[in-house]
Amino acid sequence: MTSIISKWMRRQFVRSGKKGMRFRLDNKDFTVLWSGGKDSTAALLWVLNNVRSNGFKVLYVEITGNTDWRCNEYVLKTAESLGIEDRLIYHKATVNGLDFYQLMERWGVPVMFFRWCLYKLKIPAFQSVPTKFIVSGAKKGDSKVREKYVKGISYSRYAGKWSFNPIWDWSKEQVLDYLKDSGLKLNPCYDIFGHGGNCCFCPFYGKTQIIKTLSNPYWREKILAVLEKEKENLLKGKAGRNVYTRWVRYAAQDTLKNIKLVL
């Protein structure tokens, strides 16, 4: 019976579109998931601009050891500028006191088939909030996987909550325009690293993001040290080998680029 009701609810939510999404969130208790990245920031702004509710909270998860301080600072300052600092839940994610890099030494690099960074650090934080509904900045255009399952409304089995995704069908340009029109500055980590800085090491980053991240001395030393330490284990499997090879190859390119700049 529960599955039948859930399917019916999902169909009604999707058919109703964004107008229906606003209606269902009005005067409800829900939690906005905010990483400090452009997409989740746009989703937060959408809530502030469209939803009538005094009961919502905003959850920010710092991936302890892997989040750049500029991302943390951006979230705190932006929350204050938007007048939502009293709604902000600041969660420092660890497992038994171990940070991201200590966990990577224990469990290896996160890969598609074992994304422990999601399952062990982020999802427990999502589950910790008491609301039945969450709002996220997930977009179907982010990846082929998300294209299949991200809709306007979806049910997260892992978090055990209904997820409202108001920008699920937006393009990158639409997100940036929305932030610009709202007068909100983009997280400075995008200029520095090519990403939002919530996760400075990610096995799914592309060439530009890797090179820009490794251009920062602090993150270069930290990331390459753990990759070298885990080299033997990484090279045992195809997924780990691909991650190691890609990061080390682009690290070499970054070194050559810096040498050319000095010359």
C-alpha atoms as a PDB file:
ATOM      1  CA  MET A   1       0.000   0.000   0.000  1.00  0.00           C
ATOM      2  CA  THR A   2       2.800   2.430   0.904  1.00  0.00           C
ATOM      3  CA  SER A   3       4.541   1.950  -2.450  1.00  0.00           C
ATOM      4  CA  ILE A   4       1.253   2.518  -4.329  1.00  0.00           C
ATOM      5  CA  ILE A   5       0.589   5.740  -2.421  1.00  0.00           C
ATOM      6  CA  SER A   6       4.167   6.891  -2.961  1.00  0.00           C
ATOM      7  CA  LYS A   7       3.900   6.326  -6.724  1.00  0.00           C
ATOM      8  CA  TRP A   8       0.622   8.244  -6.818  1.00  0.00           C
ATOM      9  CA  MET A   9       2.097  11.132  -4.835  1.00  0.00           C
ATOM     10  CA  ARG A  10       5.132  11.269  -7.093  1.00  0.00           C
ATOM     11  CA  ARG A  11       2.945  11.443 -10.233  1.00  0.00           C
ATOM     12  CA  GLN A  12       0.854  14.230  -8.733  1.00  0.00           C
ATOM     13  CA  PHE A  13       3.942  16.181  -7.666  1.00  0.00           C
ATOM     14  CA  VAL A  14       5.600  15.911 -11.068  1.00  0.00           C
ATOM     15  CA  ARG A  15       2.438  16.837 -12.976  1.00  0.00           C
ATOM     16  CA  SER A  16       1.837  19.905 -10.817  1.00  0.00           C
ATOM     17  CA  GLY A  17       5.123  21.565 -11.841  1.00  0.00           C
ATOM     18  CA  LYS A  18       6.813  24.389  -9.950  1.00  0.00           C
ATOM     19  CA  LYS A  19       3.532  26.094  -9.079  1.00  0.00           C
ATOM     20  CA  GLY A  20       2.392  22.913  -7.378  1.00  0.00           C
ATOM     21  CA  MET A  21       5.794  22.567  -5.756  1.00  0.00           C
ATOM     22  CA  ARG A  22       5.406  25.989  -4.161  1.00  0.00           C
ATOM     23  CA  PHE A  23       1.901  25.088  -2.996  1.00  0.00           C
ATOM     24  CA  ARG A  24       3.079  21.877  -1.350  1.00  0.00           C
ATOM     25  CA  LEU A  25       5.959  23.597   0.423  1.00  0.00           C
ATOM     26  CA  ASP A  26       3.942  26.598   1.623  1.00  0.00           C
ATOM     27  CA  ASN A  27       3.558  26.564   5.416  1.00  0.00           C
ATOM     28  CA  LYS A  28       5.420  23.227   5.652  1.00  0.00           C
ATOM     29  CA  ASP A  29       8.465  22.262   7.656  1.00  0.00           C
ATOM     30  CA  PHE A  30      11.299  21.309   5.313  1.00  0.00           C
ATOM     31  CA  THR A  31      15.085  21.521   5.043  1.00  0.00           C
ATOM     32  CA  VAL A  32      17.068  23.085   2.216  1.00  0.00           C
ATOM     33  CA  LEU A  33      20.315  21.224   1.476  1.00  0.00           C
ATOM     34  CA  TRP A  34      23.007  23.836   0.845  1.00  0.00           C
ATOM     35  CA  SER A  35      26.614  23.055  -0.102  1.00  0.00           C
ATOM     36  CA  GLY A  36      27.616  26.605  -0.988  1.00  0.00           C
ATOM     37  CA  GLY A  37      27.718  25.589  -4.656  1.00  0.00           C
ATOM     38  CA  LYS A  38      25.862  27.480  -7.380  1.00  0.00           C
ATOM     39  CA  ASP A  39      23.046  24.942  -7.809  1.00  0.00           C
ATOM     40  CA  SER A  40      22.110  24.540  -4.159  1.00  0.00           C
ATOM     41  CA  THR A  41      22.395  28.318  -3.717  1.00  0.00           C
ATOM     42  CA  ALA A  42      19.969  28.821  -6.616  1.00  0.00           C
ATOM     43  CA  ALA A  43      17.571  26.320  -5.029  1.00  0.00           C
ATOM     44  CA  LEU A  44      17.806  28.187  -1.719  1.00  0.00           C
ATOM     45  CA  LEU A  45      17.063  31.490  -3.462  1.00  0.00           C
ATOM     46  CA  TRP A  46      14.106  29.880  -5.232  1.00  0.00           C
ATOM     47  CA  VAL A  47      12.683  28.924  -1.845  1.00  0.00           C
ATOM     48  CA  LEU A  48      13.215  32.416  -0.447  1.00  0.00           C
ATOM     49  CA  ASN A  49      11.613  34.000  -3.517  1.00  0.00           C
ATOM     50  CA  ASN A  50       8.654  31.664  -3.902  1.00  0.00           C
ATOM     51  CA  VAL A  51       7.710  29.708  -0.793  1.00  0.00           C
ATOM     52  CA  ARG A  52       5.705  31.015   2.138  1.00  0.00           C
ATOM     53  CA  SER A  53       7.011  29.176   5.175  1.00  0.00           C
ATOM     54  CA  ASN A  54       8.451  30.089   8.543  1.00  0.00           C
ATOM     55  CA  GLY A  55       9.256  26.508   9.422  1.00  0.00           C
ATOM     56  CA  PHE A  56      12.098  25.654   7.084  1.00  0.00           C
ATOM     57  CA  LYS A  57      15.753  25.105   7.992  1.00  0.00           C
ATOM     58  CA  VAL A  58      18.924  25.181   5.898  1.00  0.00           C
ATOM     59  CA  LEU A  59      21.483  22.386   6.287  1.00  0.00           C
ATOM     60  CA  TYR A  60      25.118  22.946   5.401  1.00  0.00           C
ATOM     61  CA  VAL A  61      27.451  19.956   5.595  1.00  0.00           C
ATOM     62  CA  GLU A  62      31.164  20.624   5.906  1.00  0.00           C
ATOM     63  CA  ILE A  63      33.099  17.573   4.732  1.00  0.00           C
ATOM     64  CA  THR A  64      35.655  17.859   7.495  1.00  0.00           C
ATOM     65  CA  GLY A  65      39.171  17.901   6.112  1.00  0.00           C
ATOM     66  CA  ASN A  66      38.033  18.211   2.492  1.00  0.00           C
ATOM     67  CA  THR A  67      36.088  21.489   2.462  1.00  0.00           C
ATOM     68  CA  ASP A  68      37.958  24.700   1.715  1.00  0.00           C
ATOM     69  CA  TRP A  69      37.655  27.422   4.344  1.00  0.00           C
ATOM     70  CA  ARG A  70      36.455  29.887   1.683  1.00  0.00           C
ATOM     71  CA  CYS A  71      33.373  27.751   1.067  1.00  0.00           C
ATOM     72  CA  ASN A  72      32.572  27.730   4.792  1.00  0.00           C
ATOM     73  CA  GLU A  73      33.050  31.484   4.952  1.00  0.00           C
ATOM     74  CA  TYR A  74      30.880  32.056   1.881  1.00  0.00           C
ATOM     75  CA  VAL A  75      28.016  30.084   3.413  1.00  0.00           C
ATOM     76  CA  LEU A  76      28.184  31.906   6.738  1.00  0.00           C
ATOM     77  CA  LYS A  77      28.404  35.371   5.164  1.00  0.00           C
ATOM     78  CA  THR A  78      25.724  34.646   2.570  1.00  0.00           C
ATOM     79  CA  ALA A  79      23.370  33.270   5.221  1.00  0.00           C
ATOM     80  CA  GLU A  80      23.830  36.493   7.161  1.00  0.00           C
ATOM     81  CA  SER A  81      23.243  38.660   4.092  1.00  0.00           C
ATOM     82  CA  LEU A  82      20.040  36.736   3.301  1.00  0.00           C
ATOM     83  CA  GLY A  83      18.848  36.993   6.903  1.00  0.00           C
ATOM     84  CA  ILE A  84      18.659  33.224   7.411  1.00  0.00           C
ATOM     85  CA  GLU A  85      21.548  32.705   9.831  1.00  0.00           C
ATOM     86  CA  ASP A  86      19.060  31.614  12.521  1.00  0.00           C
ATOM     87  CA  ARG A  87      17.790  28.873  10.171  1.00  0.00           C
ATOM     88  CA  LEU A  88      21.238  27.531   9.333  1.00  0.00           C
ATOM     89  CA  ILE A  89      22.257  24.119  10.661  1.00  0.00           C
ATOM     90  CA  TYR A  90      26.037  23.785  10.380  1.00  0.00           C
ATOM     91  CA  HIS A  91      27.023  20.117  10.362  1.00  0.00           C
ATOM     92  CA  LYS A  92      30.662  18.992  10.490  1.00  0.00           C
ATOM     93  CA  ALA A  93      30.722  15.531   8.971  1.00  0.00           C
ATOM     94  CA  THR A  94      33.064  12.931  10.456  1.00  0.00           C
ATOM     95  CA  VAL A  95      32.878   9.211  11.233  1.00  0.00           C
ATOM     96  CA  ASN A  96      33.958   8.369  14.775  1.00  0.00           C
ATOM     97  CA  GLY A  97      35.979  11.584  14.804  1.00  0.00           C
ATOM     98  CA  LEU A  98      37.852  10.739  11.586  1.00  0.00           C
ATOM     99  CA  ASP A  99      37.954  13.337   8.810  1.00  0.00           C
ATOM    100  CA  PHE A 100      37.714  12.725   5.060  1.00  0.00           C
ATOM    101  CA  TYR A 101      41.398  11.956   4.461  1.00  0.00           C
ATOM    102  CA  GLN A 102      41.694   9.702   7.491  1.00  0.00           C
ATOM    103  CA  LEU A 103      38.664   7.811   6.188  1.00  0.00           C
ATOM    104  CA  MET A 104      40.204   7.614   2.723  1.00  0.00           C
ATOM    105  CA  GLU A 105      43.224   5.879   4.240  1.00  0.00           C
ATOM    106  CA  ARG A 106      40.846   3.398   5.823  1.00  0.00           C
ATOM    107  CA  TRP A 107      38.304   2.866   3.017  1.00  0.00           C
ATOM    108  CA  GLY A 108      40.175   3.979  -0.083  1.00  0.00           C
ATOM    109  CA  VAL A 109      39.187   6.534  -2.687  1.00  0.00           C
ATOM    110  CA  PRO A 110      35.409   6.944  -3.149  1.00  0.00           C
ATOM    111  CA  VAL A 111      34.333   5.371  -6.447  1.00  0.00           C
ATOM    112  CA  MET A 112      30.987   5.017  -8.189  1.00  0.00           C
ATOM    113  CA  PHE A 113      30.291   1.614  -6.633  1.00  0.00           C
ATOM    114  CA  PHE A 114      31.316   2.696  -3.123  1.00  0.00           C
ATOM    115  CA  ARG A 115      30.684   6.394  -2.661  1.00  0.00           C
ATOM    116  CA  TRP A 116      31.319   6.248   1.056  1.00  0.00           C
ATOM    117  CA  CYS A 117      31.670  10.048   1.165  1.00  0.00           C
ATOM    118  CA  LEU A 118      27.973  10.226   0.281  1.00  0.00           C
ATOM    119  CA  TYR A 119      26.738   7.269   2.313  1.00  0.00           C
ATOM    120  CA  LYS A 120      28.848   7.816   5.427  1.00  0.00           C
ATOM    121  CA  LEU A 121      29.202  11.605   5.579  1.00  0.00           C
ATOM    122  CA  LYS A 122      26.370  13.350   3.731  1.00  0.00           C
ATOM    123  CA  ILE A 123      23.371  11.051   3.989  1.00  0.00           C
ATOM    124  CA  PRO A 124      23.619  10.668   7.798  1.00  0.00           C
ATOM    125  CA  ALA A 125      23.526  14.469   7.972  1.00  0.00           C
ATOM    126  CA  PHE A 126      20.422  14.524   5.739  1.00  0.00           C
ATOM    127  CA  GLN A 127      18.800  11.867   7.917  1.00  0.00           C
ATOM    128  CA  SER A 128      19.549  13.838  11.069  1.00  0.00           C
ATOM    129  CA  VAL A 129      17.095  16.627  10.232  1.00  0.00           C
ATOM    130  CA  PRO A 130      13.589  15.943  11.556  1.00  0.00           C
ATOM    131  CA  THR A 131      11.657  17.179   8.499  1.00  0.00           C
ATOM    132  CA  LYS A 132      10.018  14.796   6.013  1.00  0.00           C
ATOM    133  CA  PHE A 133      10.811  17.049   3.069  1.00  0.00           C
ATOM    134  CA  ILE A 134      14.102  18.354   1.714  1.00  0.00           C
ATOM    135  CA  VAL A 135      14.894  20.819  -1.070  1.00  0.00           C
ATOM    136  CA  SER A 136      17.977  20.238  -3.199  1.00  0.00           C
ATOM    137  CA  GLY A 137      19.774  21.790  -6.161  1.00  0.00           C
ATOM    138  CA  ALA A 138      19.987  18.507  -8.071  1.00  0.00           C
ATOM    139  CA  LYS A 139      19.765  18.914 -11.861  1.00  0.00           C
ATOM    140  CA  LYS A 140      19.104  16.261 -14.481  1.00  0.00           C
ATOM    141  CA  GLY A 141      21.772  17.781 -16.739  1.00  0.00           C
ATOM    142  CA  ASP A 142      24.588  17.193 -14.254  1.00  0.00           C
ATOM    143  CA  SER A 143      25.293  13.638 -15.404  1.00  0.00           C
ATOM    144  CA  LYS A 144      23.870  10.723 -17.344  1.00  0.00           C
ATOM    145  CA  VAL A 145      22.938   9.032 -14.077  1.00  0.00           C
ATOM    146  CA  ARG A 146      21.048  12.063 -12.790  1.00  0.00           C
ATOM    147  CA  GLU A 147      19.316  12.445 -16.135  1.00  0.00           C
ATOM    148  CA  LYS A 148      17.592   9.147 -15.430  1.00  0.00           C
ATOM    149  CA  TYR A 149      16.387   9.689 -11.874  1.00  0.00           C
ATOM    150  CA  VAL A 150      16.286  13.436 -11.064  1.00  0.00           C
ATOM    151  CA  LYS A 151      12.769  14.848 -11.416  1.00  0.00           C
ATOM    152  CA  GLY A 152      10.950  17.819  -9.946  1.00  0.00           C
ATOM    153  CA  ILE A 153       9.972  15.648  -6.992  1.00  0.00           C
ATOM    154  CA  SER A 154      11.625  12.388  -6.077  1.00  0.00           C
ATOM    155  CA  TYR A 155      11.809  10.093  -3.089  1.00  0.00           C
ATOM    156  CA  SER A 156      15.222   9.430  -1.595  1.00  0.00           C
ATOM    157  CA  ARG A 157      15.361   5.915  -0.198  1.00  0.00           C
ATOM    158  CA  TYR A 158      18.721   6.637   1.404  1.00  0.00           C
ATOM    159  CA  ALA A 159      17.599   9.753   3.245  1.00  0.00           C
ATOM    160  CA  GLY A 160      14.054   8.481   3.722  1.00  0.00           C
ATOM    161  CA  LYS A 161      12.610  11.830   2.628  1.00  0.00           C
ATOM    162  CA  TRP A 162      10.806  13.456  -0.259  1.00  0.00           C
ATOM    163  CA  SER A 163      13.165  15.673  -2.234  1.00  0.00           C
ATOM    164  CA  PHE A 164      11.872  18.783  -3.980  1.00  0.00           C
ATOM    165  CA  ASN A 165      14.231  19.805  -6.787  1.00  0.00           C
ATOM    166  CA  PRO A 166      13.048  23.194  -8.088  1.00  0.00           C
ATOM    167  CA  ILE A 167      15.898  23.684 -10.593  1.00  0.00           C
ATOM    168  CA  TRP A 168      16.010  20.083 -11.810  1.00  0.00           C
ATOM    169  CA  ASP A 169      15.472  21.111 -15.454  1.00  0.00           C
ATOM    170  CA  TRP A 170      17.616  24.279 -15.439  1.00  0.00           C
ATOM    171  CA  SER A 171      20.777  24.713 -17.475  1.00  0.00           C
ATOM    172  CA  LYS A 172      24.047  26.008 -16.040  1.00  0.00           C
ATOM    173  CA  GLU A 173      23.406  29.346 -17.751  1.00  0.00           C
ATOM    174  CA  GLN A 174      19.964  29.623 -16.164  1.00  0.00           C
ATOM    175  CA  VAL A 175      21.456  28.992 -12.732  1.00  0.00           C
ATOM    176  CA  LEU A 176      24.146  31.649 -13.192  1.00  0.00           C
ATOM    177  CA  ASP A 177      21.630  34.161 -14.558  1.00  0.00           C
ATOM    178  CA  TYR A 178      19.308  33.524 -11.607  1.00  0.00           C
ATOM    179  CA  LEU A 179      22.115  34.168  -9.126  1.00  0.00           C
ATOM    180  CA  LYS A 180      23.165  37.294 -11.018  1.00  0.00           C
ATOM    181  CA  ASP A 181      19.617  38.657 -11.193  1.00  0.00           C
ATOM    182  CA  SER A 182      19.278  38.066  -7.450  1.00  0.00           C
ATOM    183  CA  GLY A 183      22.380  40.170  -6.836  1.00  0.00           C
ATOM    184  CA  LEU A 184      24.159  37.295  -5.105  1.00  0.00           C
ATOM    185  CA  LYS A 185      27.868  36.759  -5.631  1.00  0.00           C
ATOM    186  CA  LEU A 186      29.113  33.356  -6.735  1.00  0.00           C
ATOM    187  CA  ASN A 187      31.150  31.304  -4.290  1.00  0.00           C
ATOM    188  CA  PRO A 188      34.790  32.484  -4.806  1.00  0.00           C
ATOM    189  CA  CYS A 189      35.977  28.874  -4.920  1.00  0.00           C
ATOM    190  CA  TYR A 190      34.710  28.607  -8.496  1.00  0.00           C
ATOM    191  CA  ASP A 191      37.331  31.080  -9.676  1.00  0.00           C
ATOM    192  CA  ILE A 192      40.062  29.449  -7.605  1.00  0.00           C
ATOM    193  CA  PHE A 193      39.311  25.734  -8.039  1.00  0.00           C
ATOM    194  CA  GLY A 194      36.715  25.447 -10.784  1.00  0.00           C
ATOM    195  CA  HIS A 195      34.232  24.003  -8.256  1.00  0.00           C
ATOM    196  CA  GLY A 196      32.384  25.123  -5.131  1.00  0.00           C
ATOM    197  CA  GLY A 197      35.041  24.022  -2.644  1.00  0.00           C
ATOM    198  CA  ASN A 198      32.777  21.809  -0.534  1.00  0.00           C
ATOM    199  CA  CYS A 199      34.754  18.784  -1.704  1.00  0.00           C
ATOM    200  CA  CYS A 200      38.271  19.710  -2.821  1.00  0.00           C
ATOM    201  CA  PHE A 201      39.132  16.142  -3.713  1.00  0.00           C
ATOM    202  CA  CYS A 202      36.513  14.355  -5.781  1.00  0.00           C
ATOM    203  CA  PRO A 203      37.164  11.283  -7.962  1.00  0.00           C
ATOM    204  CA  PHE A 204      34.701  12.623 -10.541  1.00  0.00           C
ATOM    205  CA  TYR A 205      36.359  15.986 -11.242  1.00  0.00           C
ATOM    206  CA  GLY A 206      37.502  16.791 -14.765  1.00  0.00           C
ATOM    207  CA  LYS A 207      40.818  18.093 -16.030  1.00  0.00           C
ATOM    208  CA  THR A 208      40.287  21.807 -15.374  1.00  0.00           C
ATOM    209  CA  GLN A 209      38.963  21.245 -11.842  1.00  0.00           C
ATOM    210  CA  ILE A 210      41.859  18.935 -10.969  1.00  0.00           C
ATOM    211  CA  ILE A 211      44.556  21.250 -12.343  1.00  0.00           C
ATOM    212  CA  LYS A 212      43.075  24.330 -10.646  1.00  0.00           C
ATOM    213  CA  THR A 213      42.676  22.477  -7.331  1.00  0.00           C
ATOM    214  CA  LEU A 214      46.263  21.201  -7.454  1.00  0.00           C
ATOM    215  CA  SER A 215      47.467  24.726  -8.228  1.00  0.00           C
ATOM    216  CA  ASN A 216      46.715  25.494  -4.584  1.00  0.00           C
ATOM    217  CA  PRO A 217      49.784  24.418  -2.523  1.00  0.00           C
ATOM    218  CA  TYR A 218      47.749  23.336   0.504  1.00  0.00           C
ATOM    219  CA  TRP A 219      45.392  21.052  -1.407  1.00  0.00           C
ATOM    220  CA  ARG A 220      48.124  19.815  -3.730  1.00  0.00           C
ATOM    221  CA  GLU A 221      50.225  18.539  -0.855  1.00  0.00           C
ATOM    222  CA  LYS A 222      47.258  17.059   0.992  1.00  0.00           C
ATOM    223  CA  ILE A 223      45.673  15.300  -1.981  1.00  0.00           C
ATOM    224  CA  LEU A 224      48.825  13.952  -3.618  1.00  0.00           C
ATOM    225  CA  ALA A 225      50.143  12.692  -0.283  1.00  0.00           C
ATOM    226  CA  VAL A 226      47.119  10.487   0.342  1.00  0.00           C
ATOM    227  CA  LEU A 227      47.006   9.308  -3.286  1.00  0.00           C
ATOM    228  CA  GLU A 228      50.636   8.250  -3.068  1.00  0.00           C
ATOM    229  CA  LYS A 229      50.022   6.542   0.245  1.00  0.00           C
ATOM    230  CA  GLU A 230      47.078   4.638  -1.239  1.00  0.00           C
ATOM    231  CA  LYS A 231      48.775   4.011  -4.594  1.00  0.00           C
ATOM    232  CA  GLU A 232      49.188   0.257  -4.162  1.00  0.00           C
ATOM    233  CA  ASN A 233      45.534  -0.262  -3.219  1.00  0.00           C
ATOM    234  CA  LEU A 234      44.273   2.105  -5.912  1.00  0.00           C
ATOM    235  CA  LEU A 235      46.133   0.356  -8.672  1.00  0.00           C
ATOM    236  CA  LYS A 236      44.530  -3.001  -7.814  1.00  0.00           C
ATOM    237  CA  GLY A 237      41.162  -2.046  -9.306  1.00  0.00           C
ATOM    238  CA  LYS A 238      40.104  -0.370 -12.539  1.00  0.00           C
ATOM    239  CA  ALA A 239      38.107   2.435 -10.896  1.00  0.00           C
ATOM    240  CA  GLY A 240      40.851   3.267  -8.393  1.00  0.00           C
ATOM    241  CA  ARG A 241      43.522   3.058 -11.081  1.00  0.00           C
ATOM    242  CA  ASN A 242      41.603   5.519 -13.270  1.00  0.00           C
ATOM    243  CA  VAL A 243      41.273   8.018 -10.407  1.00  0.00           C
ATOM    244  CA  TYR A 244      44.932   7.768  -9.425  1.00  0.00           C
ATOM    245  CA  THR A 245      46.202   8.013 -13.002  1.00  0.00           C
ATOM    246  CA  ARG A 246      44.025  11.013 -13.853  1.00  0.00           C
ATOM    247  CA  TRP A 247      44.949  13.066 -10.774  1.00  0.00           C
ATOM    248  CA  VAL A 248      48.665  12.263 -10.997  1.00  0.00           C
ATOM    249  CA  ARG A 249      48.759  12.983 -14.746  1.00  0.00           C
ATOM    250  CA  TYR A 250      47.113  16.383 -14.321  1.00  0.00           C
ATOM    251  CA  ALA A 251      49.351  17.112 -11.338  1.00  0.00           C
ATOM    252  CA  ALA A 252      52.331  16.729 -13.668  1.00  0.00           C
ATOM    253  CA  GLN A 253      50.711  19.075 -16.186  1.00  0.00           C
ATOM    254  CA  ASP A 254      50.168  21.646 -13.476  1.00  0.00           C
ATOM    255  CA  THR A 255      53.846  21.432 -12.500  1.00  0.00           C
ATOM    256  CA  LEU A 256      54.905  22.003 -16.113  1.00  0.00           C
ATOM    257  CA  LYS A 257      52.533  24.950 -16.369  1.00  0.00           C
ATOM    258  CA  ASN A 258      54.006  26.560 -13.252  1.00  0.00           C
ATOM    259  CA  ILE A 259      57.560  26.029 -14.529  1.00  0.00           C
ATOM    260  CA  LYS A 260      56.662  27.786 -17.793  1.00  0.00           C
ATOM    261  CA  LEU A 261      55.169  30.701 -15.867  1.00  0.00           C
ATOM    262  CA  VAL A 262      58.387  31.088 -13.849  1.00  0.00           C
ATOM    263  CA  LEU A 263      60.532  30.965 -16.994  1.00  0.00           C
END
